[in-house]
Amino acid sequence: MPIANLNSGRNDAPAFRSYFNLLALEALPEWSAGPSGLAFAEQMEAIRTAGYDGVQFAEAPTPDQVALCRRLGLAQAGSTRINQPAEAASNAALLRDLGLECATAHVAWGLEDDPEAFALIEATLEASQRLAFPIYVETHRATLFQDMWRTVRLVQRFPALRFNGDFSHWYAGLEMVYGGFDMKFAFIAPVLERVRFLHGRIANPGSIQVDIGDGSAPFVDHYRRLWTAAFRGFLQSAQPGDYICFAPELLAPRIYYARTFPGPDGLPREEGDRWTQSLLLRQIARACFDEAAKQA
């Protein structure tokens, strides 16, 4: 049985929701248009005002943080890492009991042989189904799903898998344009059909996270195709009330994601504003969802 889609409990048509990944607030520069240097409550109010439907926590939130988000009408998703089979149930139960609706998960380190990989996937699927808590495994470097070829093979063995599509890792890490994007796009179709959450980072062929300006860079069109295909896969199986989440995850320079260049004063400066870029990525994703709805 596949991991359940997120469902609002209403009878609405299948929907697109945008969440703000809170990692994007880390070390946000003072010149950013976003809520830098503010208290948590003020940041959540700014996120709501910007039109987001929810937030994604990088770590388990406090009960007070969950309660505040609820008062503001912001839904909450979580994040986790699963290195051992037993961690699938314990980590999911922790987040579910806090009131979160789902989690994206880094599973293992990518160095596991097949028996280890199968045990981790089985534990993740079992925990998600037993706890009625969606766990969307990430297409992320340094995890079991870091490689397109192995991920497709694992889907063949475990068709119940559902994904958080973080395609920047494949696009840069596996250099999807080298050898032909169209061929690789077709190869990962079984994964795209199973995406139920998206981390909207964009990489170019050489850097894992880049400022896309106004969105007209040629490589951005590849993400439009990836996201539209993912939304189409969701819509083809969605039931009334189901929704898919898009959460731009734009990370800080501390971990070498946001690129920095010397500013006029010679000091390192981020190449763009992660807050405004998140809004642009959301706009692009919404257009992709609308296009997928026409095709579904």
C-alpha atoms as a PDB file:
ATOM      1  CA  MET A   1       0.000   0.000   0.000  1.00  0.00           C
ATOM      2  CA  PRO A   2       1.532   3.368  -0.977  1.00  0.00           C
ATOM      3  CA  ILE A   3       2.205   6.169   1.466  1.00  0.00           C
ATOM      4  CA  ALA A   4      -0.945   8.255   1.742  1.00  0.00           C
ATOM      5  CA  ASN A   5      -1.307  11.593   0.026  1.00  0.00           C
ATOM      6  CA  LEU A   6      -1.729  14.604   2.255  1.00  0.00           C
ATOM      7  CA  ASN A   7      -5.431  15.301   2.670  1.00  0.00           C
ATOM      8  CA  SER A   8      -7.187  18.334   4.068  1.00  0.00           C
ATOM      9  CA  GLY A   9     -10.241  16.340   5.106  1.00  0.00           C
ATOM     10  CA  ARG A  10     -12.408  18.488   2.860  1.00  0.00           C
ATOM     11  CA  ASN A  11     -13.986  17.658  -0.451  1.00  0.00           C
ATOM     12  CA  ASP A  12     -12.008  20.245  -2.409  1.00  0.00           C
ATOM     13  CA  ALA A  13     -10.320  19.575  -5.725  1.00  0.00           C
ATOM     14  CA  PRO A  14      -6.683  18.367  -5.440  1.00  0.00           C
ATOM     15  CA  ALA A  15      -4.589  21.399  -4.598  1.00  0.00           C
ATOM     16  CA  PHE A  16      -1.188  23.057  -4.610  1.00  0.00           C
ATOM     17  CA  ARG A  17       0.131  24.351  -1.304  1.00  0.00           C
ATOM     18  CA  SER A  18       3.255  26.399  -0.696  1.00  0.00           C
ATOM     19  CA  TYR A  19       5.198  26.045   2.540  1.00  0.00           C
ATOM     20  CA  PHE A  20       8.177  28.117   3.637  1.00  0.00           C
ATOM     21  CA  ASN A  21      11.147  25.983   4.633  1.00  0.00           C
ATOM     22  CA  LEU A  22      12.480  27.649   7.760  1.00  0.00           C
ATOM     23  CA  LEU A  23      16.091  26.853   6.917  1.00  0.00           C
ATOM     24  CA  ALA A  24      15.838  29.712   4.421  1.00  0.00           C
ATOM     25  CA  LEU A  25      15.717  32.158   7.340  1.00  0.00           C
ATOM     26  CA  GLU A  26      19.133  31.131   8.658  1.00  0.00           C
ATOM     27  CA  ALA A  27      21.610  34.019   8.497  1.00  0.00           C
ATOM     28  CA  LEU A  28      19.304  35.954   6.206  1.00  0.00           C
ATOM     29  CA  PRO A  29      21.210  39.203   5.466  1.00  0.00           C
ATOM     30  CA  GLU A  30      19.988  42.465   6.920  1.00  0.00           C
ATOM     31  CA  TRP A  31      19.419  43.796   3.399  1.00  0.00           C
ATOM     32  CA  SER A  32      17.027  40.952   2.579  1.00  0.00           C
ATOM     33  CA  ALA A  33      13.389  41.811   2.001  1.00  0.00           C
ATOM     34  CA  GLY A  34      12.548  38.939   4.351  1.00  0.00           C
ATOM     35  CA  PRO A  35      12.075  38.854   8.146  1.00  0.00           C
ATOM     36  CA  SER A  36      15.715  38.810   9.199  1.00  0.00           C
ATOM     37  CA  GLY A  37      16.605  39.375  12.829  1.00  0.00           C
ATOM     38  CA  LEU A  38      13.034  39.043  14.102  1.00  0.00           C
ATOM     39  CA  ALA A  39      11.515  36.884  16.813  1.00  0.00           C
ATOM     40  CA  PHE A  40       9.915  33.582  15.799  1.00  0.00           C
ATOM     41  CA  ALA A  41       6.354  34.921  16.093  1.00  0.00           C
ATOM     42  CA  GLU A  42       7.141  37.909  13.885  1.00  0.00           C
ATOM     43  CA  GLN A  43       8.788  35.657  11.301  1.00  0.00           C
ATOM     44  CA  MET A  44       5.717  33.411  11.193  1.00  0.00           C
ATOM     45  CA  GLU A  45       3.473  36.434  10.741  1.00  0.00           C
ATOM     46  CA  ALA A  46       5.652  37.592   7.842  1.00  0.00           C
ATOM     47  CA  ILE A  47       5.425  34.153   6.262  1.00  0.00           C
ATOM     48  CA  ARG A  48       1.642  34.172   6.555  1.00  0.00           C
ATOM     49  CA  THR A  49       1.448  37.695   5.150  1.00  0.00           C
ATOM     50  CA  ALA A  50       3.569  36.586   2.189  1.00  0.00           C
ATOM     51  CA  GLY A  51       0.845  34.087   1.306  1.00  0.00           C
ATOM     52  CA  TYR A  52       2.383  30.783   2.354  1.00  0.00           C
ATOM     53  CA  ASP A  53       0.063  27.997   3.453  1.00  0.00           C
ATOM     54  CA  GLY A  54       2.453  26.510   5.979  1.00  0.00           C
ATOM     55  CA  VAL A  55       6.016  26.018   7.139  1.00  0.00           C
ATOM     56  CA  GLN A  56       8.494  23.172   7.176  1.00  0.00           C
ATOM     57  CA  PHE A  57      10.656  22.768  10.257  1.00  0.00           C
ATOM     58  CA  ALA A  58      14.206  21.488   9.928  1.00  0.00           C
ATOM     59  CA  GLU A  59      14.163  20.117  13.472  1.00  0.00           C
ATOM     60  CA  ALA A  60      11.381  19.037  15.790  1.00  0.00           C
ATOM     61  CA  PRO A  61       9.532  22.200  16.841  1.00  0.00           C
ATOM     62  CA  THR A  62       8.468  23.020  20.361  1.00  0.00           C
ATOM     63  CA  PRO A  63       4.793  22.668  21.283  1.00  0.00           C
ATOM     64  CA  ASP A  64       4.617  26.460  21.606  1.00  0.00           C
ATOM     65  CA  GLN A  65       5.904  26.892  18.051  1.00  0.00           C
ATOM     66  CA  VAL A  66       3.319  24.436  16.741  1.00  0.00           C
ATOM     67  CA  ALA A  67       0.549  26.203  18.652  1.00  0.00           C
ATOM     68  CA  LEU A  68       1.599  29.602  17.298  1.00  0.00           C
ATOM     69  CA  CYS A  69       1.575  28.340  13.722  1.00  0.00           C
ATOM     70  CA  ARG A  70      -1.880  26.896  14.228  1.00  0.00           C
ATOM     71  CA  ARG A  71      -3.197  30.189  15.568  1.00  0.00           C
ATOM     72  CA  LEU A  72      -1.847  31.888  12.457  1.00  0.00           C
ATOM     73  CA  GLY A  73      -3.397  29.274  10.169  1.00  0.00           C
ATOM     74  CA  LEU A  74      -0.023  27.881   9.045  1.00  0.00           C
ATOM     75  CA  ALA A  75       0.195  24.135   8.498  1.00  0.00           C
ATOM     76  CA  GLN A  76       3.377  22.375   9.607  1.00  0.00           C
ATOM     77  CA  ALA A  77       5.592  19.749   8.009  1.00  0.00           C
ATOM     78  CA  GLY A  78       8.759  18.263   9.456  1.00  0.00           C
ATOM     79  CA  SER A  79      12.126  16.862   8.462  1.00  0.00           C
ATOM     80  CA  THR A  80      14.021  13.839   9.699  1.00  0.00           C
ATOM     81  CA  ARG A  81      16.929  11.489   9.041  1.00  0.00           C
ATOM     82  CA  ILE A  82      16.636   7.695   9.163  1.00  0.00           C
ATOM     83  CA  ASN A  83      19.927   5.830   9.523  1.00  0.00           C
ATOM     84  CA  GLN A  84      18.660   2.678  11.208  1.00  0.00           C
ATOM     85  CA  PRO A  85      15.366   0.826  10.616  1.00  0.00           C
ATOM     86  CA  ALA A  86      14.137   1.457  14.165  1.00  0.00           C
ATOM     87  CA  GLU A  87      14.486   5.211  13.678  1.00  0.00           C
ATOM     88  CA  ALA A  88      11.747   5.286  11.058  1.00  0.00           C
ATOM     89  CA  ALA A  89       8.967   4.635  13.575  1.00  0.00           C
ATOM     90  CA  SER A  90      10.461   6.566  16.490  1.00  0.00           C
ATOM     91  CA  ASN A  91      11.205   9.688  14.448  1.00  0.00           C
ATOM     92  CA  ALA A  92       7.843   9.632  12.699  1.00  0.00           C
ATOM     93  CA  ALA A  93       5.970   9.137  15.979  1.00  0.00           C
ATOM     94  CA  LEU A  94       7.763  12.111  17.540  1.00  0.00           C
ATOM     95  CA  LEU A  95       6.767  14.457  14.721  1.00  0.00           C
ATOM     96  CA  ARG A  96       3.242  13.080  14.413  1.00  0.00           C
ATOM     97  CA  ASP A  97       2.644  13.463  18.157  1.00  0.00           C
ATOM     98  CA  LEU A  98       3.733  17.096  17.929  1.00  0.00           C
ATOM     99  CA  GLY A  99       0.916  17.570  15.429  1.00  0.00           C
ATOM    100  CA  LEU A 100       2.914  17.802  12.218  1.00  0.00           C
ATOM    101  CA  GLU A 101       1.247  16.471   9.083  1.00  0.00           C
ATOM    102  CA  CYS A 102       4.184  14.770   7.327  1.00  0.00           C
ATOM    103  CA  ALA A 103       7.964  14.660   7.110  1.00  0.00           C
ATOM    104  CA  THR A 104      10.566  14.602   4.402  1.00  0.00           C
ATOM    105  CA  ALA A 105      13.394  12.199   5.177  1.00  0.00           C
ATOM    106  CA  HIS A 106      17.049  11.699   4.401  1.00  0.00           C
ATOM    107  CA  VAL A 107      17.391   7.921   4.427  1.00  0.00           C
ATOM    108  CA  ALA A 108      20.830   6.397   5.044  1.00  0.00           C
ATOM    109  CA  TRP A 109      24.097   7.628   3.497  1.00  0.00           C
ATOM    110  CA  GLY A 110      24.080   6.027   0.049  1.00  0.00           C
ATOM    111  CA  LEU A 111      26.825   3.511   0.841  1.00  0.00           C
ATOM    112  CA  GLU A 112      24.503   0.700   1.928  1.00  0.00           C
ATOM    113  CA  ASP A 113      24.342  -2.624   0.136  1.00  0.00           C
ATOM    114  CA  ASP A 114      20.974  -3.950  -1.029  1.00  0.00           C
ATOM    115  CA  PRO A 115      19.966  -5.873   2.132  1.00  0.00           C
ATOM    116  CA  GLU A 116      20.605  -2.768   4.274  1.00  0.00           C
ATOM    117  CA  ALA A 117      18.769  -0.548   1.806  1.00  0.00           C
ATOM    118  CA  PHE A 118      15.773  -2.879   1.612  1.00  0.00           C
ATOM    119  CA  ALA A 119      15.499  -3.072   5.417  1.00  0.00           C
ATOM    120  CA  LEU A 120      15.503   0.724   5.723  1.00  0.00           C
ATOM    121  CA  ILE A 121      12.856   1.163   3.043  1.00  0.00           C
ATOM    122  CA  GLU A 122      10.649  -1.542   4.500  1.00  0.00           C
ATOM    123  CA  ALA A 123      10.876   0.065   7.940  1.00  0.00           C
ATOM    124  CA  THR A 124      10.081   3.502   6.522  1.00  0.00           C
ATOM    125  CA  LEU A 125       7.058   2.280   4.588  1.00  0.00           C
ATOM    126  CA  GLU A 126       5.788   0.249   7.537  1.00  0.00           C
ATOM    127  CA  ALA A 127       6.136   3.153   9.964  1.00  0.00           C
ATOM    128  CA  SER A 128       4.423   5.582   7.620  1.00  0.00           C
ATOM    129  CA  GLN A 129       1.472   3.275   7.043  1.00  0.00           C
ATOM    130  CA  ARG A 130       1.069   2.117  10.646  1.00  0.00           C
ATOM    131  CA  LEU A 131       1.272   5.641  12.067  1.00  0.00           C
ATOM    132  CA  ALA A 132      -0.772   7.185   9.231  1.00  0.00           C
ATOM    133  CA  PHE A 133       2.030   9.719   8.852  1.00  0.00           C
ATOM    134  CA  PRO A 134       3.434  10.353   5.364  1.00  0.00           C
ATOM    135  CA  ILE A 135       7.225  10.060   5.135  1.00  0.00           C
ATOM    136  CA  TYR A 136       8.487  11.369   1.816  1.00  0.00           C
ATOM    137  CA  VAL A 137      12.031  10.185   1.099  1.00  0.00           C
ATOM    138  CA  GLU A 138      14.307  12.785  -0.471  1.00  0.00           C
ATOM    139  CA  THR A 139      16.230  12.625  -3.731  1.00  0.00           C
ATOM    140  CA  HIS A 140      19.239  14.023  -1.920  1.00  0.00           C
ATOM    141  CA  ARG A 141      22.994  13.618  -2.031  1.00  0.00           C
ATOM    142  CA  ALA A 142      24.512  11.453   0.703  1.00  0.00           C
ATOM    143  CA  THR A 143      21.343   9.365   1.016  1.00  0.00           C
ATOM    144  CA  LEU A 144      20.014   6.106  -0.333  1.00  0.00           C
ATOM    145  CA  PHE A 145      18.275   8.007  -3.159  1.00  0.00           C
ATOM    146  CA  GLN A 146      21.235  10.086  -4.333  1.00  0.00           C
ATOM    147  CA  ASP A 147      21.494   8.226  -7.636  1.00  0.00           C
ATOM    148  CA  MET A 148      18.901   8.162 -10.422  1.00  0.00           C
ATOM    149  CA  TRP A 149      19.672   4.621 -11.528  1.00  0.00           C
ATOM    150  CA  ARG A 150      19.436   3.087  -8.065  1.00  0.00           C
ATOM    151  CA  THR A 151      16.360   5.117  -7.167  1.00  0.00           C
ATOM    152  CA  VAL A 152      14.466   3.863 -10.212  1.00  0.00           C
ATOM    153  CA  ARG A 153      15.488   0.289  -9.378  1.00  0.00           C
ATOM    154  CA  LEU A 154      14.300   0.735  -5.792  1.00  0.00           C
ATOM    155  CA  VAL A 155      10.955   2.059  -7.042  1.00  0.00           C
ATOM    156  CA  GLN A 156      10.594  -1.093  -9.124  1.00  0.00           C
ATOM    157  CA  ARG A 157      11.047  -3.173  -5.982  1.00  0.00           C
ATOM    158  CA  PHE A 158       9.096  -0.835  -3.675  1.00  0.00           C
ATOM    159  CA  PRO A 159       6.396   0.917  -5.759  1.00  0.00           C
ATOM    160  CA  ALA A 160       4.785   2.242  -2.556  1.00  0.00           C
ATOM    161  CA  LEU A 161       7.627   4.752  -2.137  1.00  0.00           C
ATOM    162  CA  ARG A 162       6.669   8.411  -2.325  1.00  0.00           C
ATOM    163  CA  PHE A 163       9.217  11.190  -2.727  1.00  0.00           C
ATOM    164  CA  ASN A 164      10.213  14.655  -1.777  1.00  0.00           C
ATOM    165  CA  GLY A 165      11.656  15.796  -5.090  1.00  0.00           C
ATOM    166  CA  ASP A 166      14.797  17.798  -4.424  1.00  0.00           C
ATOM    167  CA  PHE A 167      16.034  17.630  -7.988  1.00  0.00           C
ATOM    168  CA  SER A 168      18.862  20.120  -7.583  1.00  0.00           C
ATOM    169  CA  HIS A 169      20.930  17.244  -6.206  1.00  0.00           C
ATOM    170  CA  TRP A 170      20.471  15.138  -9.312  1.00  0.00           C
ATOM    171  CA  TYR A 171      20.675  18.070 -11.702  1.00  0.00           C
ATOM    172  CA  ALA A 172      24.090  19.222 -10.446  1.00  0.00           C
ATOM    173  CA  GLY A 173      25.384  16.137  -8.673  1.00  0.00           C
ATOM    174  CA  LEU A 174      24.639  13.804 -11.598  1.00  0.00           C
ATOM    175  CA  GLU A 175      24.915  16.557 -14.218  1.00  0.00           C
ATOM    176  CA  MET A 176      21.623  15.801 -15.898  1.00  0.00           C
ATOM    177  CA  VAL A 177      22.402  17.856 -18.988  1.00  0.00           C
ATOM    178  CA  TYR A 178      25.559  15.849 -19.744  1.00  0.00           C
ATOM    179  CA  GLY A 179      24.578  13.087 -22.149  1.00  0.00           C
ATOM    180  CA  GLY A 180      21.110  14.488 -22.734  1.00  0.00           C
ATOM    181  CA  PHE A 181      18.495  15.851 -20.333  1.00  0.00           C
ATOM    182  CA  ASP A 182      15.609  14.322 -22.301  1.00  0.00           C
ATOM    183  CA  MET A 183      16.958  10.808 -21.919  1.00  0.00           C
ATOM    184  CA  LYS A 184      17.427  11.184 -18.168  1.00  0.00           C
ATOM    185  CA  PHE A 185      14.065  12.910 -17.755  1.00  0.00           C
ATOM    186  CA  ALA A 186      12.375   9.915 -19.377  1.00  0.00           C
ATOM    187  CA  PHE A 187      14.364   7.464 -17.257  1.00  0.00           C
ATOM    188  CA  ILE A 188      13.198   8.965 -13.951  1.00  0.00           C
ATOM    189  CA  ALA A 189       9.510   8.986 -14.908  1.00  0.00           C
ATOM    190  CA  PRO A 190       8.678   6.357 -12.226  1.00  0.00           C
ATOM    191  CA  VAL A 191      10.087   8.721  -9.603  1.00  0.00           C
ATOM    192  CA  LEU A 192       8.333  11.806 -10.954  1.00  0.00           C
ATOM    193  CA  GLU A 193       5.012   9.953 -10.789  1.00  0.00           C
ATOM    194  CA  ARG A 194       5.551   9.398  -7.058  1.00  0.00           C
ATOM    195  CA  VAL A 195       6.517  12.914  -5.924  1.00  0.00           C
ATOM    196  CA  ARG A 196       4.220  14.296  -3.227  1.00  0.00           C
ATOM    197  CA  PHE A 197       6.433  17.047  -1.798  1.00  0.00           C
ATOM    198  CA  LEU A 198       8.943  19.326  -3.517  1.00  0.00           C
ATOM    199  CA  HIS A 199      11.953  21.242  -2.276  1.00  0.00           C
ATOM    200  CA  GLY A 200      12.116  24.028  -4.783  1.00  0.00           C
ATOM    201  CA  ARG A 201      15.832  24.616  -4.959  1.00  0.00           C
ATOM    202  CA  ILE A 202      17.285  25.186  -8.416  1.00  0.00           C
ATOM    203  CA  ALA A 203      20.820  24.217  -9.377  1.00  0.00           C
ATOM    204  CA  ASN A 204      22.636  24.874 -12.589  1.00  0.00           C
ATOM    205  CA  PRO A 205      24.851  22.088 -13.975  1.00  0.00           C
ATOM    206  CA  GLY A 206      27.768  23.174 -11.788  1.00  0.00           C
ATOM    207  CA  SER A 207      26.370  24.644  -8.553  1.00  0.00           C
ATOM    208  CA  ILE A 208      23.826  23.162  -6.176  1.00  0.00           C
ATOM    209  CA  GLN A 209      21.962  26.443  -5.446  1.00  0.00           C
ATOM    210  CA  VAL A 210      21.917  29.515  -7.636  1.00  0.00           C
ATOM    211  CA  ASP A 211      20.006  32.768  -7.831  1.00  0.00           C
ATOM    212  CA  ILE A 212      17.827  32.487 -10.936  1.00  0.00           C
ATOM    213  CA  GLY A 213      17.306  36.219 -11.439  1.00  0.00           C
ATOM    214  CA  ASP A 214      13.937  36.690 -13.094  1.00  0.00           C
ATOM    215  CA  GLY A 215      13.642  32.993 -13.947  1.00  0.00           C
ATOM    216  CA  SER A 216      14.619  33.275 -17.604  1.00  0.00           C
ATOM    217  CA  ALA A 217      17.871  31.285 -17.393  1.00  0.00           C
ATOM    218  CA  PRO A 218      17.742  28.295 -19.801  1.00  0.00           C
ATOM    219  CA  PHE A 219      18.295  25.675 -17.098  1.00  0.00           C
ATOM    220  CA  VAL A 220      15.192  26.876 -15.235  1.00  0.00           C
ATOM    221  CA  ASP A 221      13.075  25.385 -18.018  1.00  0.00           C
ATOM    222  CA  HIS A 222      14.366  21.943 -17.054  1.00  0.00           C
ATOM    223  CA  TYR A 223      12.907  22.447 -13.574  1.00  0.00           C
ATOM    224  CA  ARG A 224       9.632  23.583 -15.061  1.00  0.00           C
ATOM    225  CA  ARG A 225       9.486  20.241 -16.858  1.00  0.00           C
ATOM    226  CA  LEU A 226      10.451  18.287 -13.731  1.00  0.00           C
ATOM    227  CA  TRP A 227       7.945  20.078 -11.515  1.00  0.00           C
ATOM    228  CA  THR A 228       5.126  19.900 -14.061  1.00  0.00           C
ATOM    229  CA  ALA A 229       5.676  16.155 -14.461  1.00  0.00           C
ATOM    230  CA  ALA A 230       5.665  15.709 -10.677  1.00  0.00           C
ATOM    231  CA  PHE A 231       2.438  17.671 -10.302  1.00  0.00           C
ATOM    232  CA  ARG A 232       0.875  15.695 -13.143  1.00  0.00           C
ATOM    233  CA  GLY A 233       1.794  12.436 -11.418  1.00  0.00           C
ATOM    234  CA  PHE A 234       0.158  13.650  -8.233  1.00  0.00           C
ATOM    235  CA  LEU A 235      -3.004  14.819  -9.990  1.00  0.00           C
ATOM    236  CA  GLN A 236      -3.449  11.559 -11.862  1.00  0.00           C
ATOM    237  CA  SER A 237      -3.981   9.652  -8.605  1.00  0.00           C
ATOM    238  CA  ALA A 238      -5.215  12.405  -6.274  1.00  0.00           C
ATOM    239  CA  GLN A 239      -8.538  12.200  -4.493  1.00  0.00           C
ATOM    240  CA  PRO A 240     -10.736  15.115  -3.385  1.00  0.00           C
ATOM    241  CA  GLY A 241      -9.034  17.001  -0.584  1.00  0.00           C
ATOM    242  CA  ASP A 242      -5.529  15.810  -1.480  1.00  0.00           C
ATOM    243  CA  TYR A 243      -2.761  18.370  -1.803  1.00  0.00           C
ATOM    244  CA  ILE A 244       0.900  18.513  -2.744  1.00  0.00           C
ATOM    245  CA  CYS A 245       3.437  20.748  -0.996  1.00  0.00           C
ATOM    246  CA  PHE A 246       6.051  22.958  -2.588  1.00  0.00           C
ATOM    247  CA  ALA A 247       8.610  24.276  -0.098  1.00  0.00           C
ATOM    248  CA  PRO A 248      11.571  26.262  -1.419  1.00  0.00           C
ATOM    249  CA  GLU A 249      14.588  25.129   0.587  1.00  0.00           C
ATOM    250  CA  LEU A 250      17.229  27.796   0.034  1.00  0.00           C
ATOM    251  CA  LEU A 251      20.139  27.274   2.386  1.00  0.00           C
ATOM    252  CA  ALA A 252      22.705  29.611   3.891  1.00  0.00           C
ATOM    253  CA  PRO A 253      26.361  30.130   2.913  1.00  0.00           C
ATOM    254  CA  ARG A 254      27.454  28.342   6.104  1.00  0.00           C
ATOM    255  CA  ILE A 255      27.003  24.981   4.407  1.00  0.00           C
ATOM    256  CA  TYR A 256      28.154  26.227   0.988  1.00  0.00           C
ATOM    257  CA  TYR A 257      24.738  26.336  -0.679  1.00  0.00           C
ATOM    258  CA  ALA A 258      24.064  30.050  -1.121  1.00  0.00           C
ATOM    259  CA  ARG A 259      26.958  31.349  -3.185  1.00  0.00           C
ATOM    260  CA  THR A 260      28.856  34.446  -2.056  1.00  0.00           C
ATOM    261  CA  PHE A 261      30.880  36.917  -4.084  1.00  0.00           C
ATOM    262  CA  PRO A 262      32.909  39.993  -3.051  1.00  0.00           C
ATOM    263  CA  GLY A 263      30.687  43.035  -2.650  1.00  0.00           C
ATOM    264  CA  PRO A 264      31.713  46.666  -3.254  1.00  0.00           C
ATOM    265  CA  ASP A 265      33.462  46.629   0.121  1.00  0.00           C
ATOM    266  CA  GLY A 266      35.353  43.453  -0.729  1.00  0.00           C
ATOM    267  CA  LEU A 267      33.447  41.375   1.822  1.00  0.00           C
ATOM    268  CA  PRO A 268      31.526  38.204   0.871  1.00  0.00           C
ATOM    269  CA  ARG A 269      27.910  38.878  -0.067  1.00  0.00           C
ATOM    270  CA  GLU A 270      25.189  36.439  -1.048  1.00  0.00           C
ATOM    271  CA  GLU A 271      24.446  36.623  -4.760  1.00  0.00           C
ATOM    272  CA  GLY A 272      20.734  37.094  -4.198  1.00  0.00           C
ATOM    273  CA  ASP A 273      17.945  37.411  -1.660  1.00  0.00           C
ATOM    274  CA  ARG A 274      16.747  33.971  -0.578  1.00  0.00           C
ATOM    275  CA  TRP A 275      13.423  35.451   0.557  1.00  0.00           C
ATOM    276  CA  THR A 276      12.487  37.007  -2.774  1.00  0.00           C
ATOM    277  CA  GLN A 277      13.889  34.023  -4.657  1.00  0.00           C
ATOM    278  CA  SER A 278      11.584  31.739  -2.652  1.00  0.00           C
ATOM    279  CA  LEU A 279       8.623  33.834  -3.740  1.00  0.00           C
ATOM    280  CA  LEU A 280       9.709  33.577  -7.379  1.00  0.00           C
ATOM    281  CA  LEU A 281      10.182  29.806  -7.130  1.00  0.00           C
ATOM    282  CA  ARG A 282       6.688  29.526  -5.664  1.00  0.00           C
ATOM    283  CA  GLN A 283       5.302  31.545  -8.564  1.00  0.00           C
ATOM    284  CA  ILE A 284       7.027  29.280 -11.106  1.00  0.00           C
ATOM    285  CA  ALA A 285       5.822  26.147  -9.311  1.00  0.00           C
ATOM    286  CA  ARG A 286       2.242  27.412  -9.199  1.00  0.00           C
ATOM    287  CA  ALA A 287       2.321  27.970 -12.958  1.00  0.00           C
ATOM    288  CA  CYS A 288       3.669  24.420 -13.379  1.00  0.00           C
ATOM    289  CA  PHE A 289       0.810  23.050 -11.268  1.00  0.00           C
ATOM    290  CA  ASP A 290      -1.754  24.919 -13.352  1.00  0.00           C
ATOM    291  CA  GLU A 291      -0.178  23.529 -16.512  1.00  0.00           C
ATOM    292  CA  ALA A 292      -0.205  20.009 -15.078  1.00  0.00           C
ATOM    293  CA  ALA A 293      -3.888  20.406 -14.225  1.00  0.00           C
ATOM    294  CA  LYS A 294      -4.620  21.112 -17.887  1.00  0.00           C
ATOM    295  CA  GLN A 295      -2.739  17.949 -18.891  1.00  0.00           C
ATOM    296  CA  ALA A 296      -4.055  15.555 -16.213  1.00  0.00           C
END
